[in-house]
């Protein structure tokens, strides 16, 4: 089953990368100017929209849940890049470098998911998509607290670990939604 999960994870990440590359083509790496707090809030908006659509059962603007999960993955990867690279005052990298950074973080996310999936024995498969969203929202609240404390924690993992978890739960959401189709 783990091999199937790795293949499904990789396929979902490829879907997200296509969106990321298309946005790069349109806007370039304009996100380089975003401070981590702004990215956290952007992910929060996406997760809250998914939750709202799940509760209401329909979209007034005609866009569904899947694009929001893909956006969460992409913003989560951007967040890790920004934490590691720092934010900039302008687009200080080109599209090729942005994709290189993206691919590196995506590979780390797969590696982390594989390790955790081994230890948790595919537990995510028994979970509901709604739970993924609630966990993402909880992780965002944790990140906001850590950001408000200037990154200091006593015993908890830092923001980077939470961003990776957000990426992985969003990918699980994509996999589950793809399986439902």
C-alpha atoms as a PDB file:
ATOM      1  CA  UNK A   1       0.000   0.000   0.000  1.00  0.00           C
ATOM      2  CA  UNK A   2       2.874   2.401   0.738  1.00  0.00           C
ATOM      3  CA  UNK A   3       4.040   2.184  -2.865  1.00  0.00           C
ATOM      4  CA  UNK A   4       0.515   3.058  -3.996  1.00  0.00           C
ATOM      5  CA  UNK A   5       0.511   5.977  -1.557  1.00  0.00           C
ATOM      6  CA  UNK A   6       3.872   7.174  -2.838  1.00  0.00           C
ATOM      7  CA  UNK A   7       2.626   6.988  -6.431  1.00  0.00           C
ATOM      8  CA  UNK A   8      -0.627   8.779  -5.577  1.00  0.00           C
ATOM      9  CA  UNK A   9       1.293  11.386  -3.575  1.00  0.00           C
ATOM     10  CA  UNK A  10       3.694  11.967  -6.459  1.00  0.00           C
ATOM     11  CA  UNK A  11       0.818  12.273  -8.944  1.00  0.00           C
ATOM     12  CA  UNK A  12      -0.975  14.793  -6.712  1.00  0.00           C
ATOM     13  CA  UNK A  13       2.219  16.793  -6.297  1.00  0.00           C
ATOM     14  CA  UNK A  14       2.622  16.829 -10.086  1.00  0.00           C
ATOM     15  CA  UNK A  15      -0.884  18.319 -10.378  1.00  0.00           C
ATOM     16  CA  UNK A  16       0.125  21.030  -7.901  1.00  0.00           C
ATOM     17  CA  UNK A  17       3.395  21.679  -9.692  1.00  0.00           C
ATOM     18  CA  UNK A  18       1.543  22.246 -12.976  1.00  0.00           C
ATOM     19  CA  UNK A  19      -0.526  24.953 -11.302  1.00  0.00           C
ATOM     20  CA  UNK A  20       2.587  26.438  -9.683  1.00  0.00           C
ATOM     21  CA  UNK A  21       4.451  26.509 -13.023  1.00  0.00           C
ATOM     22  CA  UNK A  22       1.466  28.105 -14.791  1.00  0.00           C
ATOM     23  CA  UNK A  23       1.249  30.813 -12.116  1.00  0.00           C
ATOM     24  CA  UNK A  24       5.007  31.376 -12.450  1.00  0.00           C
ATOM     25  CA  UNK A  25       4.497  31.853 -16.163  1.00  0.00           C
ATOM     26  CA  UNK A  26       1.812  34.468 -15.475  1.00  0.00           C
ATOM     27  CA  UNK A  27       3.334  36.305 -12.512  1.00  0.00           C
ATOM     28  CA  UNK A  28       6.897  35.145 -12.025  1.00  0.00           C
ATOM     29  CA  UNK A  29       8.015  34.504  -8.447  1.00  0.00           C
ATOM     30  CA  UNK A  30       6.158  37.590  -7.185  1.00  0.00           C
ATOM     31  CA  UNK A  31       5.531  35.697  -3.939  1.00  0.00           C
ATOM     32  CA  UNK A  32       9.161  36.325  -2.961  1.00  0.00           C
ATOM     33  CA  UNK A  33       8.033  39.621  -1.401  1.00  0.00           C
ATOM     34  CA  UNK A  34       5.612  37.887   0.970  1.00  0.00           C
ATOM     35  CA  UNK A  35       6.605  37.627   4.595  1.00  0.00           C
ATOM     36  CA  UNK A  36       5.838  34.249   6.217  1.00  0.00           C
ATOM     37  CA  UNK A  37       2.891  35.714   8.162  1.00  0.00           C
ATOM     38  CA  UNK A  38       1.202  36.754   4.910  1.00  0.00           C
ATOM     39  CA  UNK A  39       1.637  33.269   3.497  1.00  0.00           C
ATOM     40  CA  UNK A  40       0.219  31.747   6.672  1.00  0.00           C
ATOM     41  CA  UNK A  41      -2.833  33.988   6.284  1.00  0.00           C
ATOM     42  CA  UNK A  42      -3.171  33.078   2.592  1.00  0.00           C
ATOM     43  CA  UNK A  43      -3.218  29.379   3.495  1.00  0.00           C
ATOM     44  CA  UNK A  44      -5.747  30.188   6.231  1.00  0.00           C
ATOM     45  CA  UNK A  45      -8.060  31.809   3.668  1.00  0.00           C
ATOM     46  CA  UNK A  46      -7.855  28.724   1.430  1.00  0.00           C
ATOM     47  CA  UNK A  47      -8.475  26.276   4.301  1.00  0.00           C
ATOM     48  CA  UNK A  48     -11.397  28.299   5.642  1.00  0.00           C
ATOM     49  CA  UNK A  49     -12.919  28.393   2.171  1.00  0.00           C
ATOM     50  CA  UNK A  50     -12.700  24.598   1.922  1.00  0.00           C
ATOM     51  CA  UNK A  51     -14.342  24.263   5.324  1.00  0.00           C
ATOM     52  CA  UNK A  52     -17.066  26.724   4.317  1.00  0.00           C
ATOM     53  CA  UNK A  53     -17.761  24.789   1.116  1.00  0.00           C
ATOM     54  CA  UNK A  54     -17.858  21.517   3.028  1.00  0.00           C
ATOM     55  CA  UNK A  55     -20.373  22.930   5.504  1.00  0.00           C
ATOM     56  CA  UNK A  56     -22.533  24.797   2.973  1.00  0.00           C
ATOM     57  CA  UNK A  57     -22.375  22.080   0.341  1.00  0.00           C
ATOM     58  CA  UNK A  58     -22.003  24.429  -2.638  1.00  0.00           C
ATOM     59  CA  UNK A  59     -19.912  27.245  -4.068  1.00  0.00           C
ATOM     60  CA  UNK A  60     -21.502  30.565  -4.983  1.00  0.00           C
ATOM     61  CA  UNK A  61     -18.613  31.372  -7.347  1.00  0.00           C
ATOM     62  CA  UNK A  62     -18.454  27.946  -8.973  1.00  0.00           C
ATOM     63  CA  UNK A  63     -14.963  26.980  -7.860  1.00  0.00           C
ATOM     64  CA  UNK A  64     -14.612  23.791  -5.892  1.00  0.00           C
ATOM     65  CA  UNK A  65     -12.461  22.349  -3.165  1.00  0.00           C
ATOM     66  CA  UNK A  66      -9.755  20.731  -5.302  1.00  0.00           C
ATOM     67  CA  UNK A  67      -8.168  24.011  -6.495  1.00  0.00           C
ATOM     68  CA  UNK A  68      -8.015  25.202  -2.893  1.00  0.00           C
ATOM     69  CA  UNK A  69      -6.157  22.077  -1.750  1.00  0.00           C
ATOM     70  CA  UNK A  70      -3.692  22.585  -4.615  1.00  0.00           C
ATOM     71  CA  UNK A  71      -3.246  26.206  -3.565  1.00  0.00           C
ATOM     72  CA  UNK A  72      -2.582  25.095   0.023  1.00  0.00           C
ATOM     73  CA  UNK A  73       0.117  22.704  -1.197  1.00  0.00           C
ATOM     74  CA  UNK A  74       1.715  25.419  -3.295  1.00  0.00           C
ATOM     75  CA  UNK A  75       1.534  28.100  -0.614  1.00  0.00           C
ATOM     76  CA  UNK A  76       2.871  25.586   1.920  1.00  0.00           C
ATOM     77  CA  UNK A  77       5.889  24.958  -0.279  1.00  0.00           C
ATOM     78  CA  UNK A  78       6.309  28.704  -0.822  1.00  0.00           C
ATOM     79  CA  UNK A  79       6.168  29.160   2.963  1.00  0.00           C
ATOM     80  CA  UNK A  80       9.027  26.714   3.511  1.00  0.00           C
ATOM     81  CA  UNK A  81      11.041  28.464   0.796  1.00  0.00           C
ATOM     82  CA  UNK A  82      10.425  31.829   2.442  1.00  0.00           C
ATOM     83  CA  UNK A  83      11.332  30.536   5.908  1.00  0.00           C
ATOM     84  CA  UNK A  84      14.607  29.182   4.553  1.00  0.00           C
ATOM     85  CA  UNK A  85      15.472  31.942   2.077  1.00  0.00           C
ATOM     86  CA  UNK A  86      13.920  34.918   3.825  1.00  0.00           C
ATOM     87  CA  UNK A  87      11.576  37.251   2.000  1.00  0.00           C
ATOM     88  CA  UNK A  88      12.816  39.774  -0.558  1.00  0.00           C
ATOM     89  CA  UNK A  89      11.873  43.288  -1.575  1.00  0.00           C
ATOM     90  CA  UNK A  90      11.409  42.176  -5.183  1.00  0.00           C
ATOM     91  CA  UNK A  91      11.477  39.118  -7.389  1.00  0.00           C
ATOM     92  CA  UNK A  92      15.076  38.131  -6.732  1.00  0.00           C
ATOM     93  CA  UNK A  93      14.999  34.711  -8.412  1.00  0.00           C
ATOM     94  CA  UNK A  94      13.935  33.581 -11.857  1.00  0.00           C
ATOM     95  CA  UNK A  95      11.269  31.017 -12.711  1.00  0.00           C
ATOM     96  CA  UNK A  96      13.811  28.219 -13.164  1.00  0.00           C
ATOM     97  CA  UNK A  97      15.232  28.786  -9.660  1.00  0.00           C
ATOM     98  CA  UNK A  98      11.717  28.967  -8.205  1.00  0.00           C
ATOM     99  CA  UNK A  99      10.886  25.579  -9.754  1.00  0.00           C
ATOM    100  CA  UNK A 100      14.178  24.141  -8.494  1.00  0.00           C
ATOM    101  CA  UNK A 101      13.366  25.280  -4.943  1.00  0.00           C
ATOM    102  CA  UNK A 102       9.795  23.972  -5.315  1.00  0.00           C
ATOM    103  CA  UNK A 103      10.999  20.559  -6.460  1.00  0.00           C
ATOM    104  CA  UNK A 104      13.421  20.300  -3.542  1.00  0.00           C
ATOM    105  CA  UNK A 105      10.716  21.033  -0.970  1.00  0.00           C
ATOM    106  CA  UNK A 106       8.290  18.679  -2.728  1.00  0.00           C
ATOM    107  CA  UNK A 107      10.895  15.896  -2.516  1.00  0.00           C
ATOM    108  CA  UNK A 108      11.345  16.573   1.207  1.00  0.00           C
ATOM    109  CA  UNK A 109       7.568  16.463   1.695  1.00  0.00           C
ATOM    110  CA  UNK A 110       7.429  13.054  -0.017  1.00  0.00           C
ATOM    111  CA  UNK A 111      10.285  11.780   2.144  1.00  0.00           C
ATOM    112  CA  UNK A 112       8.579  12.994   5.324  1.00  0.00           C
ATOM    113  CA  UNK A 113       5.222  11.543   4.277  1.00  0.00           C
ATOM    114  CA  UNK A 114       6.837   8.190   3.497  1.00  0.00           C
ATOM    115  CA  UNK A 115       8.471   8.024   6.934  1.00  0.00           C
ATOM    116  CA  UNK A 116       5.345   9.096   8.812  1.00  0.00           C
ATOM    117  CA  UNK A 117       3.127   6.873   6.686  1.00  0.00           C
ATOM    118  CA  UNK A 118       5.325   3.930   7.662  1.00  0.00           C
ATOM    119  CA  UNK A 119       5.015   4.748  11.354  1.00  0.00           C
ATOM    120  CA  UNK A 120       1.294   5.531  11.248  1.00  0.00           C
ATOM    121  CA  UNK A 121       0.528   2.554   8.975  1.00  0.00           C
ATOM    122  CA  UNK A 122      -1.602   4.406   6.398  1.00  0.00           C
ATOM    123  CA  UNK A 123      -3.917   5.835   9.086  1.00  0.00           C
ATOM    124  CA  UNK A 124      -4.734   8.811   6.842  1.00  0.00           C
ATOM    125  CA  UNK A 125      -6.694   6.504   4.540  1.00  0.00           C
ATOM    126  CA  UNK A 126      -9.301   5.980   7.312  1.00  0.00           C
ATOM    127  CA  UNK A 127      -9.651   9.724   7.817  1.00  0.00           C
ATOM    128  CA  UNK A 128     -12.207  12.025   6.226  1.00  0.00           C
ATOM    129  CA  UNK A 129     -11.330  14.977   4.010  1.00  0.00           C
ATOM    130  CA  UNK A 130     -13.051  17.221   6.570  1.00  0.00           C
ATOM    131  CA  UNK A 131     -10.525  16.081   9.177  1.00  0.00           C
ATOM    132  CA  UNK A 132      -7.623  17.057   6.931  1.00  0.00           C
ATOM    133  CA  UNK A 133      -9.033  20.585   6.727  1.00  0.00           C
ATOM    134  CA  UNK A 134      -9.537  20.836  10.481  1.00  0.00           C
ATOM    135  CA  UNK A 135      -5.984  19.618  11.105  1.00  0.00           C
ATOM    136  CA  UNK A 136      -4.651  22.151   8.592  1.00  0.00           C
ATOM    137  CA  UNK A 137      -6.588  24.911  10.353  1.00  0.00           C
ATOM    138  CA  UNK A 138      -5.183  23.761  13.710  1.00  0.00           C
ATOM    139  CA  UNK A 139      -1.642  23.747  12.333  1.00  0.00           C
ATOM    140  CA  UNK A 140      -2.215  27.287  11.027  1.00  0.00           C
ATOM    141  CA  UNK A 141      -3.299  28.461  14.471  1.00  0.00           C
ATOM    142  CA  UNK A 142      -0.125  26.915  15.878  1.00  0.00           C
ATOM    143  CA  UNK A 143       2.001  28.647  13.248  1.00  0.00           C
ATOM    144  CA  UNK A 144       0.347  31.977  14.010  1.00  0.00           C
ATOM    145  CA  UNK A 145       1.141  31.546  17.710  1.00  0.00           C
ATOM    146  CA  UNK A 146       4.753  30.694  16.914  1.00  0.00           C
ATOM    147  CA  UNK A 147       4.990  33.671  14.548  1.00  0.00           C
ATOM    148  CA  UNK A 148       3.532  35.918  17.247  1.00  0.00           C
ATOM    149  CA  UNK A 149       6.287  34.624  19.589  1.00  0.00           C
ATOM    150  CA  UNK A 150       8.979  35.509  17.025  1.00  0.00           C
ATOM    151  CA  UNK A 151       9.538  31.835  16.207  1.00  0.00           C
ATOM    152  CA  UNK A 152      10.339  30.754  19.749  1.00  0.00           C
ATOM    153  CA  UNK A 153       8.941  27.477  21.044  1.00  0.00           C
ATOM    154  CA  UNK A 154       9.530  25.569  24.265  1.00  0.00           C
ATOM    155  CA  UNK A 155       8.928  21.984  23.210  1.00  0.00           C
ATOM    156  CA  UNK A 156       7.057  22.156  19.916  1.00  0.00           C
ATOM    157  CA  UNK A 157       8.302  21.804  16.383  1.00  0.00           C
ATOM    158  CA  UNK A 158       8.745  25.104  14.582  1.00  0.00           C
ATOM    159  CA  UNK A 159       6.831  26.604  11.707  1.00  0.00           C
ATOM    160  CA  UNK A 160       8.658  24.635   9.040  1.00  0.00           C
ATOM    161  CA  UNK A 161       7.501  21.274  10.403  1.00  0.00           C
ATOM    162  CA  UNK A 162       3.932  22.558  10.588  1.00  0.00           C
ATOM    163  CA  UNK A 163       4.098  23.800   6.984  1.00  0.00           C
ATOM    164  CA  UNK A 164       5.305  20.367   5.860  1.00  0.00           C
ATOM    165  CA  UNK A 165       2.404  18.733   7.709  1.00  0.00           C
ATOM    166  CA  UNK A 166      -0.007  21.158   6.029  1.00  0.00           C
ATOM    167  CA  UNK A 167       1.405  20.274   2.608  1.00  0.00           C
ATOM    168  CA  UNK A 168       1.080  16.562   3.328  1.00  0.00           C
ATOM    169  CA  UNK A 169      -2.483  16.773   4.662  1.00  0.00           C
ATOM    170  CA  UNK A 170      -3.500  18.863   1.643  1.00  0.00           C
ATOM    171  CA  UNK A 171      -1.980  16.237  -0.662  1.00  0.00           C
ATOM    172  CA  UNK A 172      -3.946  13.563   1.193  1.00  0.00           C
ATOM    173  CA  UNK A 173      -7.067  15.647   0.537  1.00  0.00           C
ATOM    174  CA  UNK A 174      -6.245  15.750  -3.181  1.00  0.00           C
ATOM    175  CA  UNK A 175      -5.672  11.992  -3.243  1.00  0.00           C
ATOM    176  CA  UNK A 176      -8.985  11.323  -1.475  1.00  0.00           C
ATOM    177  CA  UNK A 177     -10.885  13.669  -3.804  1.00  0.00           C
ATOM    178  CA  UNK A 178      -9.233  12.064  -6.848  1.00  0.00           C
ATOM    179  CA  UNK A 179     -10.233   8.632  -5.518  1.00  0.00           C
ATOM    180  CA  UNK A 180     -13.851   9.787  -5.187  1.00  0.00           C
ATOM    181  CA  UNK A 181     -14.009  10.811  -8.860  1.00  0.00           C
END
